[in-house]
Protein backbone atom coordinates (compact mmCIF):
# COMPACT_ATOMS: atom_id res chain seq x y z
CA MET A 1 69.72 90.07 99.10
CA ARG A 2 71.61 89.06 102.18
CA SER A 3 69.76 90.22 105.37
CA SER A 4 73.18 91.51 106.74
CA ARG A 5 73.12 94.13 103.89
CA LEU A 6 69.37 94.77 103.69
CA HIS A 7 69.17 97.44 106.20
CA HIS A 8 71.87 99.56 104.04
CA VAL A 9 69.36 99.82 101.22
CA ILE A 10 65.86 99.37 102.72
CA LEU A 11 65.98 101.43 105.86
CA PRO A 12 67.42 104.66 104.62
CA ALA A 13 65.14 104.56 101.56
CA LEU A 14 62.08 103.98 103.58
CA PHE A 15 63.15 106.82 106.11
CA LEU A 16 63.58 109.31 103.10
CA LEU A 17 60.60 108.30 101.29
CA VAL A 18 58.10 108.32 104.19
CA TYR A 19 59.60 110.86 106.50
CA ILE A 20 61.55 113.35 104.60
CA LEU A 21 60.16 113.87 101.08
CA PRO A 22 56.37 114.61 102.13
CA LEU A 23 57.20 117.00 104.91
CA GLY A 24 56.19 120.27 102.83
CA ALA A 25 53.36 118.45 101.10
CA ARG A 26 50.60 120.29 103.09
CA ASP A 27 49.76 123.28 105.06
CA LEU A 28 50.41 123.39 108.86
CA PHE A 29 47.52 122.11 110.86
CA ILE A 30 45.95 123.80 113.95
CA PRO A 31 46.34 123.83 116.93
CA ASP A 32 49.87 121.95 117.32
CA GLU A 33 51.83 122.54 114.14
CA THR A 34 51.07 126.50 113.99
CA ARG A 35 51.81 126.74 117.84
CA TYR A 36 55.03 124.92 117.40
CA ALA A 37 56.18 126.80 114.55
CA GLU A 38 55.40 130.21 116.11
CA VAL A 39 56.81 129.81 119.59
CA PRO A 40 60.38 129.05 117.95
CA ARG A 41 59.80 131.90 115.27
CA GLU A 42 59.10 134.47 118.13
CA MET A 43 62.25 133.14 119.96
CA ILE A 44 64.24 133.93 116.89
CA ALA A 45 62.58 137.37 116.31
CA SER A 46 62.94 138.42 119.93
CA GLY A 47 66.23 136.88 120.80
CA ASP A 48 64.81 135.42 124.05
CA TRP A 49 65.83 131.75 124.02
CA VAL A 50 64.86 131.39 127.68
CA VAL A 51 61.24 132.26 127.93
CA PRO A 52 58.63 130.72 125.46
CA HIS A 53 56.13 133.21 124.09
CA LEU A 54 53.02 132.67 121.76
CA ASP A 55 51.49 135.53 120.22
CA GLY A 56 53.87 137.63 122.41
CA LEU A 57 52.33 136.16 125.67
CA ARG A 58 54.08 133.87 128.10
CA TYR A 59 53.43 130.26 127.10
CA PHE A 60 54.29 127.82 129.88
CA GLU A 61 52.94 124.47 128.63
CA LYS A 62 56.25 123.07 127.64
CA PRO A 63 60.01 123.47 128.72
CA VAL A 64 62.24 124.76 125.79
CA PHE A 65 64.40 122.24 124.11
CA GLY A 66 61.58 121.25 121.59
CA TYR A 67 61.24 124.82 120.64
CA TRP A 68 65.01 125.19 120.42
CA ALA A 69 65.21 122.16 117.95
CA GLN A 70 62.61 123.72 115.69
CA ALA A 71 64.03 127.25 116.11
CA ALA A 72 67.46 125.69 114.74
CA SER A 73 65.72 124.04 111.90
CA ILE A 74 63.77 127.33 110.93
CA SER A 75 67.19 129.19 111.23
CA LEU A 76 68.76 126.87 108.49
CA PHE A 77 65.94 126.19 106.29
CA GLY A 78 63.66 129.29 106.66
CA GLU A 79 60.00 129.87 107.82
CA ASN A 80 58.29 127.10 105.88
CA ASN A 81 56.45 123.68 106.66
CA PHE A 82 59.57 121.59 105.91
CA ALA A 83 61.59 123.35 108.51
CA ASP A 84 59.02 123.06 111.15
CA ARG A 85 58.40 119.33 110.71
CA LEU A 86 62.03 118.44 110.10
CA PRO A 87 62.96 117.99 113.91
CA CYS A 88 60.26 115.72 114.40
CA ALA A 89 61.03 113.43 111.38
CA LEU A 90 64.85 113.51 112.63
CA ALA A 91 63.62 112.27 115.87
CA ALA A 92 61.94 109.38 114.35
CA GLY A 93 64.97 108.42 112.21
CA LEU A 94 67.23 108.65 115.10
CA SER A 95 64.95 106.54 117.50
CA ALA A 96 64.77 103.88 114.46
CA LEU A 97 68.72 104.08 114.58
CA LEU A 98 68.71 103.40 118.34
CA ILE A 99 66.22 100.39 118.21
CA TYR A 100 68.57 98.92 115.34
CA LEU A 101 71.61 99.20 117.71
CA LEU A 102 69.62 97.91 120.76
CA VAL A 103 68.38 94.74 119.03
CA LEU A 104 71.78 94.11 117.16
CA ARG A 105 73.92 94.32 120.34
CA GLY A 106 71.03 93.84 122.83
CA GLY A 107 71.44 90.14 123.34
CA GLY A 108 74.53 90.77 125.73
CA ARG A 109 75.82 87.42 126.65
CA SER A 110 73.58 85.73 124.04
CA PRO A 111 73.44 87.85 120.80
CA GLU A 112 71.17 87.28 117.96
CA PRO A 113 72.99 85.21 115.21
CA ASP A 114 72.58 88.04 112.47
CA SER A 115 71.19 91.50 111.87
CA TRP A 116 67.88 90.51 110.52
CA PRO A 117 65.93 90.98 113.89
CA ALA A 118 67.55 94.50 114.32
CA THR A 119 66.40 95.17 110.65
CA ALA A 120 62.93 93.82 111.36
CA SER A 121 62.36 95.82 114.44
CA THR A 122 63.30 98.93 112.73
CA LEU A 123 61.08 98.32 109.89
CA ILE A 124 58.19 97.77 112.27
CA PHE A 125 58.90 101.01 114.28
CA LEU A 126 59.23 103.16 110.99
CA THR A 127 56.06 101.72 109.49
CA CYS A 128 53.85 101.99 112.59
CA PHE A 129 51.11 104.51 111.88
CA LEU A 130 51.60 106.42 115.15
CA VAL A 131 55.27 106.85 114.55
CA VAL A 132 54.72 108.09 111.05
CA GLY A 133 51.78 110.50 112.36
CA THR A 134 54.17 112.06 114.88
CA GLY A 135 57.37 112.03 112.60
CA THR A 136 55.70 113.86 109.83
CA PHE A 137 53.70 116.35 111.88
CA ALA A 138 55.19 119.15 114.00
CA LEU A 139 54.60 117.48 117.49
CA LEU A 140 56.95 117.36 120.51
CA ASP A 141 55.97 113.90 121.54
CA GLY A 142 58.47 112.43 118.92
CA VAL A 143 61.36 114.48 120.09
CA PHE A 144 60.54 113.54 123.72
CA SER A 145 60.17 109.71 122.80
CA PHE A 146 63.58 109.84 121.04
CA PHE A 147 65.26 111.03 124.19
CA LEU A 148 63.38 108.64 126.43
CA THR A 149 64.40 105.85 123.91
CA ALA A 150 68.15 106.96 124.04
CA CYS A 151 67.98 107.10 127.81
CA ILE A 152 66.82 103.53 128.13
CA THR A 153 68.96 102.22 125.49
CA ALA A 154 72.02 103.80 126.98
CA PHE A 155 71.27 102.48 130.60
CA TYR A 156 70.81 99.05 128.97
CA PHE A 157 74.14 99.08 127.29
CA ALA A 158 75.71 100.15 130.62
CA SER A 159 73.97 97.40 132.53
CA GLN A 160 75.63 95.17 129.92
CA ALA A 161 79.11 96.43 130.42
CA GLN A 162 81.71 95.29 132.85
CA ALA A 163 81.01 96.84 136.41
CA GLY A 164 83.24 99.88 137.03
CA SER A 165 84.41 99.99 133.36
CA ALA A 166 84.73 103.41 131.49
CA ARG A 167 82.19 101.91 129.09
CA GLU A 168 79.79 101.60 131.89
CA ARG A 169 80.26 105.16 133.02
CA PHE A 170 80.19 106.50 129.48
CA PHE A 171 76.57 105.00 128.84
CA LEU A 172 75.35 106.01 132.28
CA VAL A 173 76.19 109.64 131.58
CA LEU A 174 74.91 109.29 128.27
CA ALA A 175 71.59 108.11 129.75
CA GLY A 176 71.53 110.78 132.22
CA ALA A 177 72.04 113.34 129.64
CA ALA A 178 69.15 111.99 127.38
CA SER A 179 66.99 112.03 130.31
CA GLY A 180 67.70 115.67 131.03
CA LEU A 181 66.95 116.50 127.54
CA ALA A 182 63.65 114.77 127.75
CA PHE A 183 62.87 116.86 130.75
CA LEU A 184 63.83 119.88 128.82
CA THR A 185 61.48 118.69 126.05
CA LYS A 186 58.43 117.69 127.98
CA GLY A 187 58.90 118.00 131.72
CA PHE A 188 59.09 115.57 134.52
CA LEU A 189 58.03 112.67 132.65
CA GLY A 190 61.59 112.79 131.27
CA PHE A 191 62.88 111.84 134.71
CA GLY A 192 59.86 109.69 135.69
CA LEU A 193 59.31 107.39 132.86
CA PRO A 194 62.84 106.24 132.90
CA VAL A 195 62.79 105.44 136.65
CA LEU A 196 59.36 103.59 135.89
CA VAL A 197 60.99 101.20 133.38
CA LEU A 198 64.49 100.92 134.58
CA PHE A 199 63.92 100.18 138.37
CA PRO A 200 61.44 97.22 137.60
CA TYR A 201 63.92 95.93 135.07
CA LEU A 202 66.74 95.80 137.50
CA VAL A 203 64.61 94.16 140.15
CA TRP A 204 63.53 91.61 137.75
CA GLN A 205 67.41 90.97 136.75
CA GLY A 206 68.11 90.44 140.54
CA ARG A 207 70.37 93.58 140.52
CA ILE A 208 68.80 95.74 142.89
CA LYS A 209 72.05 96.17 144.78
CA GLU A 210 73.48 97.79 141.84
CA LEU A 211 70.84 100.56 141.73
CA TRP A 212 73.05 103.05 143.38
CA ARG A 213 76.14 102.31 141.44
CA LEU A 214 74.43 102.46 138.26
CA GLY A 215 72.15 105.38 139.16
CA TRP A 216 74.12 108.20 140.65
CA PRO A 217 76.21 108.93 137.28
CA ALA A 218 73.04 108.89 135.22
CA ILE A 219 71.26 111.21 138.16
CA LEU A 220 74.21 113.69 138.10
CA ALA A 221 74.25 113.96 134.20
CA ALA A 222 70.52 114.57 134.18
CA VAL A 223 70.76 117.41 136.72
CA ALA A 224 73.67 118.89 134.88
CA VAL A 225 71.78 119.15 131.69
CA ALA A 226 68.42 120.32 133.13
CA LEU A 227 69.54 122.68 135.88
CA PRO A 228 71.03 125.59 133.74
CA TRP A 229 67.92 126.48 131.84
CA SER A 230 65.64 125.54 135.00
CA LEU A 231 67.48 128.25 136.93
CA MET A 232 67.32 130.91 134.38
CA ILE A 233 63.56 130.52 133.63
CA HIS A 234 62.91 130.48 137.42
CA LEU A 235 65.06 133.85 137.65
CA ARG A 236 63.23 135.48 134.72
CA GLU A 237 59.69 133.90 135.54
CA PRO A 238 59.07 132.78 139.03
CA GLY A 239 55.62 131.76 138.17
CA PHE A 240 56.85 129.20 135.51
CA TRP A 241 57.30 126.27 137.79
CA TRP A 242 54.09 126.50 139.67
CA ARG A 243 52.13 126.91 136.43
CA PHE A 244 54.14 123.88 134.89
CA PHE A 245 54.34 121.57 137.85
CA TRP A 246 50.95 121.85 139.12
CA TYR A 247 48.83 122.44 136.01
CA GLU A 248 50.64 120.51 133.37
CA HIS A 249 51.62 117.70 135.56
CA ILE A 250 49.48 117.08 138.67
CA HIS A 251 46.21 118.55 137.36
CA ARG A 252 46.53 116.84 134.01
CA PHE A 253 47.38 113.41 135.78
CA MET A 254 44.62 113.56 138.63
CA ALA A 255 42.16 116.21 138.25
CA HIS A 256 38.49 115.08 137.49
CA ASP A 257 38.38 118.06 134.95
CA ALA A 258 41.64 117.53 133.40
CA GLN A 259 42.23 118.65 129.73
CA HIS A 260 41.60 115.58 127.36
CA LYS A 261 39.85 113.61 130.04
CA ARG A 262 39.46 109.98 129.10
CA SER A 263 38.43 106.68 130.68
CA PHE A 264 41.12 104.20 131.89
CA TRP A 265 40.37 101.85 129.03
CA PHE A 266 40.83 104.60 126.28
CA PHE A 267 44.43 103.35 125.41
CA PHE A 268 43.41 99.64 125.38
CA LEU A 269 40.56 100.49 122.71
CA THR A 270 42.67 102.66 120.54
CA ALA A 271 45.97 101.12 120.60
CA PRO A 272 45.08 98.62 117.84
CA GLY A 273 44.26 101.68 115.72
CA VAL A 274 47.43 103.60 116.19
CA PHE A 275 49.68 100.49 116.15
CA LEU A 276 48.37 99.64 112.62
CA PRO A 277 49.39 97.79 110.52
CA TRP A 278 51.39 95.67 113.07
CA ALA A 279 48.47 95.09 115.35
CA PHE A 280 47.08 92.38 113.19
CA LEU A 281 50.25 90.39 113.77
CA VAL A 282 50.37 90.59 117.58
CA PRO A 283 48.74 87.24 117.89
CA SER A 284 51.34 85.55 115.82
CA ALA A 285 54.23 87.34 117.60
CA ALA A 286 52.82 86.67 120.94
CA GLY A 287 53.46 82.94 120.77
CA GLY A 288 57.06 83.57 119.83
CA ILE A 289 57.56 85.80 122.68
CA TYR A 290 56.09 83.37 125.07
CA ARG A 291 58.16 80.66 123.72
CA ARG A 292 61.19 82.77 124.29
CA MET A 293 60.24 83.62 127.71
CA ALA A 294 59.43 80.00 128.60
CA GLY A 295 62.56 78.46 126.97
CA GLN A 296 66.24 79.17 127.37
CA GLU A 297 66.12 82.81 126.73
CA ARG A 298 63.68 83.34 129.78
CA LYS A 299 66.34 85.49 131.39
CA ASN A 300 67.06 87.33 128.35
CA SER A 301 67.70 90.66 129.44
CA LEU A 302 66.37 92.45 126.19
CA LEU A 303 63.20 90.82 126.44
CA ARG A 304 62.70 91.75 130.07
CA LEU A 305 63.79 95.41 129.23
CA SER A 306 61.27 95.53 126.40
CA LEU A 307 58.27 94.25 128.58
CA CYS A 308 58.94 96.55 131.26
CA TRP A 309 59.23 99.36 128.96
CA LEU A 310 56.08 98.59 126.96
CA VAL A 311 53.65 97.42 129.92
CA LEU A 312 54.60 100.09 132.73
CA PRO A 313 54.42 103.16 130.67
CA PHE A 314 51.26 102.02 129.10
CA LEU A 315 49.51 101.30 132.33
CA PHE A 316 50.88 104.65 133.63
CA PHE A 317 49.35 106.72 130.96
CA SER A 318 46.09 104.64 131.37
CA ILE A 319 45.94 105.65 134.96
CA SER A 320 46.42 109.43 134.00
CA SER A 321 43.14 111.41 133.54
CA GLY A 322 44.21 113.52 130.66
CA LYS A 323 44.91 111.43 127.52
CA LEU A 324 45.89 111.79 124.07
CA LEU A 325 46.88 109.10 121.39
CA THR A 326 50.51 110.48 121.00
CA TYR A 327 51.11 109.89 124.77
CA ILE A 328 51.88 106.19 124.22
CA LEU A 329 54.46 106.84 121.50
CA PRO A 330 57.04 105.82 123.96
CA CYS A 331 55.65 102.40 123.84
CA VAL A 332 56.25 101.79 120.18
CA PRO A 333 60.00 101.23 120.42
CA PRO A 334 59.72 98.19 122.86
CA LEU A 335 56.59 96.81 121.06
CA ALA A 336 58.59 96.91 117.80
CA VAL A 337 61.43 94.90 119.64
CA LEU A 338 59.03 92.51 120.97
CA LEU A 339 57.02 91.99 117.62
CA ALA A 340 60.37 91.41 115.80
CA LEU A 341 61.59 88.88 118.25
CA GLY A 342 58.33 87.20 118.53
CA LEU A 343 57.60 87.02 114.77
CA ASN A 344 61.30 85.80 114.05
CA THR A 345 60.68 83.07 116.54
CA THR A 346 57.24 82.02 115.34
CA LEU A 347 57.89 82.26 111.65
CA GLY A 348 61.42 80.80 111.83
CA ARG A 349 59.68 77.49 113.18
CA GLY A 350 57.34 77.68 109.90
CA ALA A 351 54.47 78.48 111.86
CA PHE A 352 52.54 80.73 109.31
CA LYS A 353 48.92 80.22 110.16
CA LEU A 354 48.51 83.14 112.46
CA PHE A 355 50.66 85.36 110.31
CA ASN A 356 48.65 84.67 107.41
CA TYR A 357 45.35 85.29 109.26
CA GLY A 358 46.96 88.66 110.48
CA LEU A 359 47.50 89.36 106.55
CA VAL A 360 43.96 88.43 105.65
CA GLY A 361 42.92 90.87 108.61
CA ILE A 362 44.64 93.68 107.23
CA GLY A 363 43.60 93.12 103.65
CA ALA A 364 39.92 93.06 104.70
CA PHE A 365 40.54 96.11 106.32
CA LEU A 366 42.02 97.81 103.43
CA GLY A 367 39.21 96.36 101.24
CA LEU A 368 36.67 98.03 103.49
CA LEU A 369 38.74 101.23 103.52
CA LEU A 370 38.90 101.11 99.64
CA ALA A 371 35.03 100.62 99.41
CA ALA A 372 34.09 103.57 101.81
CA LEU A 373 36.63 105.83 99.88
CA LEU A 374 34.78 105.00 96.52
CA TYR A 375 31.56 105.31 98.08
CA LEU A 376 32.34 108.73 99.62
CA GLN A 377 33.95 110.22 96.41
CA LEU A 378 31.57 108.75 93.84
CA ILE A 379 28.21 109.01 95.64
CA GLY A 380 29.04 111.41 98.50
CA TRP A 381 27.85 111.76 102.03
CA GLU A 382 25.30 114.47 102.88
CA GLY A 383 26.45 116.11 99.64
CA THR A 384 30.28 115.86 100.51
CA HIS A 385 32.82 114.33 98.58
CA PHE A 386 36.36 113.14 99.94
CA PHE A 387 38.29 115.02 97.27
CA SER A 388 37.82 117.97 95.00
CA ALA A 389 41.02 117.32 92.86
CA SER A 390 40.54 114.50 90.36
CA TRP A 391 43.98 112.87 90.84
CA LYS A 392 43.51 112.22 94.25
CA LEU A 393 41.16 109.37 93.86
CA PRO A 394 43.15 107.22 91.44
CA LEU A 395 46.20 108.11 93.59
CA ALA A 396 44.50 106.80 96.93
CA ALA A 397 42.88 103.73 95.30
CA GLY A 398 46.16 102.70 93.65
CA SER A 399 48.10 102.87 96.74
CA ILE A 400 45.48 100.58 98.52
CA VAL A 401 45.41 98.11 95.70
CA PHE A 402 49.37 98.08 95.49
CA SER A 403 49.31 97.44 99.36
CA LEU A 404 46.76 94.63 98.88
CA ALA A 405 49.02 93.15 96.06
CA LEU A 406 52.21 93.24 98.57
CA GLY A 407 50.28 91.71 101.12
CA LEU A 408 49.12 88.64 98.90
CA LEU A 409 52.89 88.29 97.91
CA ALA A 410 53.65 88.04 101.72
CA VAL A 411 50.95 85.35 102.28
CA LYS A 412 52.29 83.26 99.37
CA ASN A 413 55.87 83.66 100.29
CA SER A 414 57.27 80.83 102.20
CA ASN A 415 60.60 82.44 103.44
CA TYR A 416 59.83 84.13 106.77
CA LYS A 417 62.16 87.03 106.41
CA ASN A 418 60.56 87.95 103.25
CA LYS A 419 57.11 87.78 104.71
CA ILE A 420 57.80 90.23 107.28
CA LEU A 421 59.75 92.40 104.70
CA LEU A 422 56.77 92.28 102.32
CA PHE A 423 54.35 93.03 105.11
CA ALA A 424 56.44 96.25 106.08
CA LEU A 425 56.65 97.33 102.55
CA ALA A 426 52.98 96.72 101.83
CA SER A 427 52.18 99.81 103.90
CA LEU A 428 54.64 102.25 102.18
CA PRO A 429 52.35 103.25 99.33
CA ILE A 430 49.84 104.58 101.97
CA LEU A 431 52.24 105.88 104.22
CA ILE A 432 54.13 107.87 101.61
CA ASN A 433 50.85 109.33 99.77
CA VAL A 434 48.86 110.01 102.82
CA GLN A 435 50.43 113.52 103.27
CA PHE A 436 49.13 114.27 99.74
CA LEU A 437 45.67 112.92 100.07
CA MET A 438 44.25 114.66 103.10
CA PRO A 439 40.42 114.95 102.53
CA ASP A 440 39.06 118.32 101.64
CA LEU A 441 37.13 118.27 104.95
CA THR A 442 40.14 117.80 107.08
CA LEU A 443 42.02 120.60 105.23
CA GLN A 444 39.25 122.90 105.56
CA ILE A 445 38.67 122.27 109.41
CA SER A 446 42.61 122.13 110.23
CA ALA A 447 44.40 124.30 107.69
CA PRO A 448 43.67 128.26 107.88
CA GLY A 449 47.00 128.90 106.07
CA PRO A 450 45.92 129.01 102.49
CA LEU A 451 42.89 131.33 103.44
CA ILE A 452 45.52 133.88 105.35
CA ARG A 453 47.92 133.68 102.35
CA GLN A 454 45.30 134.21 99.68
CA ASN A 455 44.19 137.69 101.47
CA ALA A 456 47.58 138.40 102.68
CA HIS A 457 47.45 141.57 100.49
CA LEU A 458 44.61 142.88 102.79
CA ILE A 459 46.84 142.62 105.86
CA GLY A 460 49.36 145.33 105.97
CA LYS A 461 51.83 145.78 108.69
CA ASN A 462 49.77 148.43 110.20
CA ALA A 463 46.48 146.30 110.12
CA VAL A 464 45.07 145.63 113.60
CA VAL A 465 44.74 141.81 113.64
CA ILE A 466 42.01 140.04 115.73
CA ALA A 467 41.53 136.22 116.00
CA ASP A 468 39.68 133.63 117.85
CA GLN A 469 41.80 131.25 119.96
CA GLU A 470 42.09 128.47 117.14
CA ALA A 471 43.41 130.93 114.38
CA ALA A 472 45.64 133.05 116.65
CA ALA A 473 48.95 130.98 116.17
CA ALA A 474 48.09 130.65 112.52
CA ALA A 475 47.65 134.46 112.12
CA CYS A 476 50.90 134.99 113.97
CA TRP A 477 52.88 132.56 111.85
CA TYR A 478 51.68 133.42 108.47
CA GLN A 479 51.88 137.25 109.07
CA ASP A 480 55.23 137.39 111.24
CA ARG A 481 53.66 139.16 114.00
CA ASP A 482 53.21 138.71 117.71
CA ASP A 483 50.47 141.09 118.60
CA VAL A 484 47.26 139.61 117.49
CA TYR A 485 44.42 140.36 119.69
CA LEU A 486 42.35 137.48 120.95
CA LEU A 487 38.19 137.49 120.58
CA GLY A 488 36.20 134.96 122.63
CA SER A 489 37.52 132.06 124.76
CA PRO A 490 41.31 132.13 125.48
CA GLY A 491 41.75 128.61 125.03
CA GLU A 492 45.73 127.84 125.54
CA LEU A 493 46.62 131.49 125.84
CA LYS A 494 44.67 131.78 129.10
CA TYR A 495 47.63 131.85 131.32
CA GLY A 496 49.51 134.34 129.20
CA LEU A 497 46.38 136.77 129.28
CA SER A 498 46.26 136.45 132.95
CA TYR A 499 49.16 138.84 133.59
CA ARG A 500 48.04 142.29 134.09
CA GLU A 501 49.98 143.89 131.23
CA SER A 502 48.52 141.54 128.77
CA HIS A 503 44.78 141.96 129.77
CA TYR A 504 44.14 144.34 126.86
CA ARG A 505 45.06 141.67 124.28
CA ARG A 506 41.72 139.79 124.89
CA LEU A 507 38.75 141.72 123.38
CA ARG A 508 34.94 141.31 123.63
CA LEU A 509 32.80 142.47 120.66
CA PRO A 510 32.02 146.12 121.85
CA ALA A 511 35.83 146.64 122.05
CA VAL A 512 36.23 145.32 118.49
CA VAL A 513 33.42 147.75 117.23
CA LYS A 514 35.49 150.59 118.72
CA LEU A 515 38.79 149.39 116.96
CA ILE A 516 36.80 149.34 113.78
CA ARG A 517 35.50 152.85 113.96
CA TYR A 518 38.99 154.20 115.17
CA TYR A 519 41.04 152.41 112.39
CA PRO A 520 38.77 152.05 109.47
CA GLY A 521 40.00 149.69 106.72
CA ARG A 522 42.65 148.36 108.89
CA VAL A 523 41.15 145.78 111.24
CA VAL A 524 41.32 142.14 110.22
CA LEU A 525 39.15 139.41 111.75
CA ILE A 526 40.15 135.87 111.38
CA PHE A 527 37.92 133.21 113.10
CA ARG A 528 36.09 129.79 112.74
CA SER A 529 33.39 130.03 110.16
CA ASP A 530 30.83 128.60 112.55
CA LYS A 531 30.88 132.00 114.40
CA ALA A 532 30.33 134.08 111.51
CA GLN A 533 26.77 134.58 111.83
CA ARG A 534 26.86 135.30 115.52
CA TRP A 535 29.82 137.76 115.48
CA LEU A 536 29.34 139.58 112.13
CA SER A 537 25.75 140.36 113.08
CA LYS A 538 26.96 142.47 115.86
CA LEU A 539 29.81 144.23 113.95
CA PRO A 540 29.78 146.80 111.21
CA ARG A 541 29.46 145.69 107.78
CA PRO A 542 32.84 144.23 106.55
CA ARG A 543 34.30 145.61 103.47
CA HIS A 544 35.46 142.08 102.34
CA VAL A 545 34.66 138.57 103.53
CA ALA A 546 36.57 135.32 102.32
CA ASN A 547 36.11 132.05 103.79
CA SER A 548 37.69 128.48 103.46
CA GLY A 549 34.17 126.77 103.91
CA PRO A 550 31.23 126.43 106.47
CA LYS A 551 33.51 124.26 108.72
CA GLY A 552 36.61 126.25 108.19
CA PHE A 553 37.77 129.78 108.72
CA THR A 554 36.59 133.29 107.79
CA LEU A 555 38.55 136.30 107.23
CA ALA A 556 36.79 139.66 107.27
CA LEU A 557 38.13 143.09 106.55
CA PHE A 558 36.61 146.11 108.29
């Protein structure tokens, strides 16, 4: 098949198979998926689209646009797993489309000779494990990364347009609007990261004198998009900006006790894992990137943009005190571009050795993964087996074997485009089936939904529902309620509980005993099973107890 037509078939099919079809395959995981389902559900139920609430409490961890997107999906498709995850999947697909357009037209004055590099970069992006993870889970990182990608792509197109032209102004306004939406999704990073990337890029291009001319239309558009809600939330909740700016930004970035605190080297050590399977091909691509930068393309604006886009945010997030793997998702689009251009240069010269070594490396990794899977399932570890369903082991093993077979074909193939394509397709069996192959222990630990649904007949509309902070959002989502009491540590609900009118929602065990005596047969307690012995020993004997396992959750009716 001609490379100019390849993307019309492969890329949409890949997106549908990996990102859309498996969205409803498993229950929502705590804490993120139940949280990002429940906040939009409460928006719809209450009609309040300005102030985010979780369990009826003020929830100021993020701005509002990500919730709006998921609320729109829930309104269209109902309260289900598919609707909750769909905006994140669409964000991944739209990001892939932007990467394709960026590489296709990104050469500017020296464009690529065909559409294959654009196809390759999009394949790399869509098959990166981190992108698949954020695109098939309900996380706001993917939506934020999409707007950031849109901002940088639009600004780049503006910088390639004729100075003062309508095209330039259009793309600058588009870049600013995308930055404003990124701000409304995840906060001030939506303004800061584009500046961190684009200012050094313009300096490297020797265009620092154009900074004001290129900057002011984007700034005005960003402010115009971000300002209306920012003013509304300030008028409704004057404490929002203090909480959001100082705690969610300054404290998380600088404090010694920041949430998710990690060392500076955390992302350096973990990046190879989250960038799988393409991390194995970085050595092969690096030579091609160096050749491009040292040769006639040393002034290639797309290469320079991609390097600024990859390196500077990566270092920024490494400096931050608080770190999660999903934070470096904005670094994947430029990595995909660089890998595609580098691999095309290296392999186009017939230099296959490092590429084939990378294929051998990923093959060895998959071989070890298969051996570990067979050992854990057939022999077990500490009495625990990977899967309880008999069909899961053949599906998992078959996916790995099929991936190994495609990798072997990639090694033997002598056409460099086919080698890249086969390597990308080799990951598909695993990426498609992983949603169906979650280990039993993972489901037990992370998915309280089945336990709540199976015992829904015990939880009437008049029931008094009490949960620990891990189960609270799930209890709200699966029961369509926003009045769940909290027992134990407040966790992410701490700020909402700090308001005087919400103090009563946090209980201690003596208060739970009083509620049980006052509402016999109507009090339901949902909590992590490792607290069962400690809590149930101090409460009246429950009428019914069910649990999802020793590391899962317990539901008790009193």
